[in-house]
Amino acid sequence: METVLRSVEAVLTAAANLSTTLMELFGICILVFTAVKCFIGWIKKEDNIRLPLAEGIALALELKLGGEVLRTVVVREWKELGILGAIILLRAALTFLIHWEIKNESLSEKANETA
């Protein structure tokens, strides 16, 4: 029975590690894609590139945050958990601030459209 539990634990650990890596990879891909797209828009002197950039950054941060939360499943020591907790708090604060910026930017764009 103990070998079965070890096997299940190994499979779940591998699945959690793979899922964490994929979530972080998706976050990086979204961030790079959004940055390149907005940079091209900036070169073309397009208006309103701040909102899509903030939305892309927010989505990337949420995926990275999800990866960090998933990483807590395989933490073995309290020190690692403390570091992960600090990273999660920082990313959550950044996500909150970016969502606040998106909300204010959206309100600003709507006010400019009606004026």
C-alpha atoms as a PDB file:
ATOM      1  CA  MET A   1       0.000   0.000   0.000  1.00  0.00           C
ATOM      2  CA  GLU A   2       2.867   2.351   0.817  1.00  0.00           C
ATOM      3  CA  THR A   3       4.395   1.918  -2.638  1.00  0.00           C
ATOM      4  CA  VAL A   4       1.050   2.799  -4.234  1.00  0.00           C
ATOM      5  CA  LEU A   5       0.855   5.994  -2.166  1.00  0.00           C
ATOM      6  CA  ARG A   6       4.417   6.915  -3.148  1.00  0.00           C
ATOM      7  CA  SER A   7       3.577   6.291  -6.795  1.00  0.00           C
ATOM      8  CA  VAL A   8       0.447   8.442  -6.602  1.00  0.00           C
ATOM      9  CA  GLU A   9       2.416  11.174  -4.839  1.00  0.00           C
ATOM     10  CA  ALA A  10       5.097  11.061  -7.528  1.00  0.00           C
ATOM     11  CA  VAL A  11       2.495  11.311 -10.295  1.00  0.00           C
ATOM     12  CA  LEU A  12       0.711  14.209  -8.593  1.00  0.00           C
ATOM     13  CA  THR A  13       4.002  16.012  -7.965  1.00  0.00           C
ATOM     14  CA  ALA A  14       4.992  15.606 -11.610  1.00  0.00           C
ATOM     15  CA  ALA A  15       1.557  16.827 -12.743  1.00  0.00           C
ATOM     16  CA  ALA A  16       1.749  19.851 -10.431  1.00  0.00           C
ATOM     17  CA  ASN A  17       5.259  20.706 -11.634  1.00  0.00           C
ATOM     18  CA  LEU A  18       4.239  20.368 -15.285  1.00  0.00           C
ATOM     19  CA  SER A  19       1.107  22.452 -14.752  1.00  0.00           C
ATOM     20  CA  THR A  20       3.085  25.133 -12.931  1.00  0.00           C
ATOM     21  CA  THR A  21       5.637  25.300 -15.728  1.00  0.00           C
ATOM     22  CA  LEU A  22       2.920  25.511 -18.383  1.00  0.00           C
ATOM     23  CA  MET A  23       1.052  28.277 -16.552  1.00  0.00           C
ATOM     24  CA  GLU A  24       4.221  30.295 -16.174  1.00  0.00           C
ATOM     25  CA  LEU A  25       5.129  29.694 -19.830  1.00  0.00           C
ATOM     26  CA  PHE A  26       1.681  30.875 -20.935  1.00  0.00           C
ATOM     27  CA  GLY A  27       2.070  33.961 -18.761  1.00  0.00           C
ATOM     28  CA  ILE A  28       5.434  34.765 -20.323  1.00  0.00           C
ATOM     29  CA  CYS A  29       4.074  34.217 -23.853  1.00  0.00           C
ATOM     30  CA  ILE A  30       1.090  36.502 -23.218  1.00  0.00           C
ATOM     31  CA  LEU A  31       3.322  39.184 -21.712  1.00  0.00           C
ATOM     32  CA  VAL A  32       5.790  39.113 -24.618  1.00  0.00           C
ATOM     33  CA  PHE A  33       3.018  39.040 -27.247  1.00  0.00           C
ATOM     34  CA  THR A  34       1.210  41.964 -25.613  1.00  0.00           C
ATOM     35  CA  ALA A  35       4.416  43.971 -25.228  1.00  0.00           C
ATOM     36  CA  VAL A  36       5.417  43.466 -28.872  1.00  0.00           C
ATOM     37  CA  LYS A  37       1.901  44.282 -30.098  1.00  0.00           C
ATOM     38  CA  CYS A  38       1.757  47.467 -28.023  1.00  0.00           C
ATOM     39  CA  PHE A  39       5.286  48.446 -29.019  1.00  0.00           C
ATOM     40  CA  ILE A  40       4.312  48.168 -32.675  1.00  0.00           C
ATOM     41  CA  GLY A  41       1.233  50.266 -31.911  1.00  0.00           C
ATOM     42  CA  TRP A  42       3.448  52.826 -30.189  1.00  0.00           C
ATOM     43  CA  ILE A  43       5.747  52.983 -33.243  1.00  0.00           C
ATOM     44  CA  LYS A  44       2.693  53.550 -35.446  1.00  0.00           C
ATOM     45  CA  LYS A  45       1.623  56.285 -32.994  1.00  0.00           C
ATOM     46  CA  GLU A  46      -1.689  54.574 -32.270  1.00  0.00           C
ATOM     47  CA  ASP A  47      -3.857  55.918 -29.496  1.00  0.00           C
ATOM     48  CA  ASN A  48      -5.058  53.831 -26.575  1.00  0.00           C
ATOM     49  CA  ILE A  49      -2.260  51.292 -26.288  1.00  0.00           C
ATOM     50  CA  ARG A  50      -2.091  51.615 -22.500  1.00  0.00           C
ATOM     51  CA  LEU A  51      -5.300  49.697 -21.846  1.00  0.00           C
ATOM     52  CA  PRO A  52      -4.419  46.613 -23.948  1.00  0.00           C
ATOM     53  CA  LEU A  53      -0.944  46.616 -22.416  1.00  0.00           C
ATOM     54  CA  ALA A  54      -2.345  46.754 -18.874  1.00  0.00           C
ATOM     55  CA  GLU A  55      -4.848  43.993 -19.680  1.00  0.00           C
ATOM     56  CA  GLY A  56      -2.092  41.777 -21.091  1.00  0.00           C
ATOM     57  CA  ILE A  57       0.121  42.381 -18.079  1.00  0.00           C
ATOM     58  CA  ALA A  58      -2.788  41.608 -15.744  1.00  0.00           C
ATOM     59  CA  LEU A  59      -3.565  38.343 -17.525  1.00  0.00           C
ATOM     60  CA  ALA A  60       0.097  37.322 -17.519  1.00  0.00           C
ATOM     61  CA  LEU A  61       0.375  38.107 -13.810  1.00  0.00           C
ATOM     62  CA  GLU A  62      -2.757  36.102 -13.046  1.00  0.00           C
ATOM     63  CA  LEU A  63      -1.321  33.074 -14.838  1.00  0.00           C
ATOM     64  CA  LYS A  64       1.987  33.470 -13.023  1.00  0.00           C
ATOM     65  CA  LEU A  65       0.081  33.840  -9.740  1.00  0.00           C
ATOM     66  CA  GLY A  66      -1.850  30.662 -10.511  1.00  0.00           C
ATOM     67  CA  GLY A  67       1.435  28.876 -11.120  1.00  0.00           C
ATOM     68  CA  GLU A  68       2.765  30.056  -7.776  1.00  0.00           C
ATOM     69  CA  VAL A  69      -0.377  28.924  -5.959  1.00  0.00           C
ATOM     70  CA  LEU A  70      -0.094  25.539  -7.645  1.00  0.00           C
ATOM     71  CA  ARG A  71       3.558  25.381  -6.651  1.00  0.00           C
ATOM     72  CA  THR A  72       2.531  25.486  -2.983  1.00  0.00           C
ATOM     73  CA  VAL A  73       1.213  21.941  -3.429  1.00  0.00           C
ATOM     74  CA  VAL A  74       4.727  20.537  -3.742  1.00  0.00           C
ATOM     75  CA  VAL A  75       6.428  22.671  -1.079  1.00  0.00           C
ATOM     76  CA  ARG A  76       8.334  20.584   1.427  1.00  0.00           C
ATOM     77  CA  GLU A  77       9.728  23.170   3.872  1.00  0.00           C
ATOM     78  CA  TRP A  78       8.384  26.181   5.782  1.00  0.00           C
ATOM     79  CA  LYS A  79      11.116  28.397   4.340  1.00  0.00           C
ATOM     80  CA  GLU A  80       9.965  27.627   0.795  1.00  0.00           C
ATOM     81  CA  LEU A  81       6.368  28.280   1.805  1.00  0.00           C
ATOM     82  CA  GLY A  82       7.340  31.669   3.237  1.00  0.00           C
ATOM     83  CA  ILE A  83       9.121  32.650   0.027  1.00  0.00           C
ATOM     84  CA  LEU A  84       6.180  31.492  -2.087  1.00  0.00           C
ATOM     85  CA  GLY A  85       3.792  33.375   0.181  1.00  0.00           C
ATOM     86  CA  ALA A  86       5.784  36.577  -0.297  1.00  0.00           C
ATOM     87  CA  ILE A  87       5.827  36.092  -4.076  1.00  0.00           C
ATOM     88  CA  ILE A  88       2.087  35.446  -4.108  1.00  0.00           C
ATOM     89  CA  LEU A  89       1.421  38.581  -2.044  1.00  0.00           C
ATOM     90  CA  LEU A  90       3.573  40.723  -4.335  1.00  0.00           C
ATOM     91  CA  ARG A  91       1.978  39.376  -7.492  1.00  0.00           C
ATOM     92  CA  ALA A  92      -1.502  39.746  -6.035  1.00  0.00           C
ATOM     93  CA  ALA A  93      -0.745  43.367  -5.115  1.00  0.00           C
ATOM     94  CA  LEU A  94       0.569  44.041  -8.617  1.00  0.00           C
ATOM     95  CA  THR A  95      -2.499  42.417 -10.148  1.00  0.00           C
ATOM     96  CA  PHE A  96      -4.773  44.533  -7.944  1.00  0.00           C
ATOM     97  CA  LEU A  97      -2.953  47.724  -8.927  1.00  0.00           C
ATOM     98  CA  ILE A  98      -3.057  46.870 -12.614  1.00  0.00           C
ATOM     99  CA  HIS A  99      -6.785  46.104 -12.464  1.00  0.00           C
ATOM    100  CA  TRP A 100      -7.294  49.443 -10.711  1.00  0.00           C
ATOM    101  CA  GLU A 101      -5.329  51.140 -13.514  1.00  0.00           C
ATOM    102  CA  ILE A 102      -7.410  49.318 -16.154  1.00  0.00           C
ATOM    103  CA  LYS A 103     -10.623  50.491 -14.493  1.00  0.00           C
ATOM    104  CA  ASN A 104      -9.427  54.099 -14.358  1.00  0.00           C
ATOM    105  CA  GLU A 105      -8.150  53.982 -17.943  1.00  0.00           C
ATOM    106  CA  SER A 106     -11.466  52.538 -19.158  1.00  0.00           C
ATOM    107  CA  LEU A 107     -13.384  55.296 -17.371  1.00  0.00           C
ATOM    108  CA  SER A 108     -11.042  57.877 -18.859  1.00  0.00           C
ATOM    109  CA  GLU A 109     -11.530  56.500 -22.389  1.00  0.00           C
ATOM    110  CA  LYS A 110     -15.314  56.491 -21.976  1.00  0.00           C
ATOM    111  CA  ALA A 111     -15.228  60.088 -20.746  1.00  0.00           C
ATOM    112  CA  ASN A 112     -13.118  61.088 -23.761  1.00  0.00           C
ATOM    113  CA  GLU A 113     -15.518  59.331 -26.157  1.00  0.00           C
ATOM    114  CA  THR A 114     -18.563  61.135 -24.767  1.00  0.00           C
ATOM    115  CA  ALA A 115     -16.825  64.533 -24.772  1.00  0.00           C
END
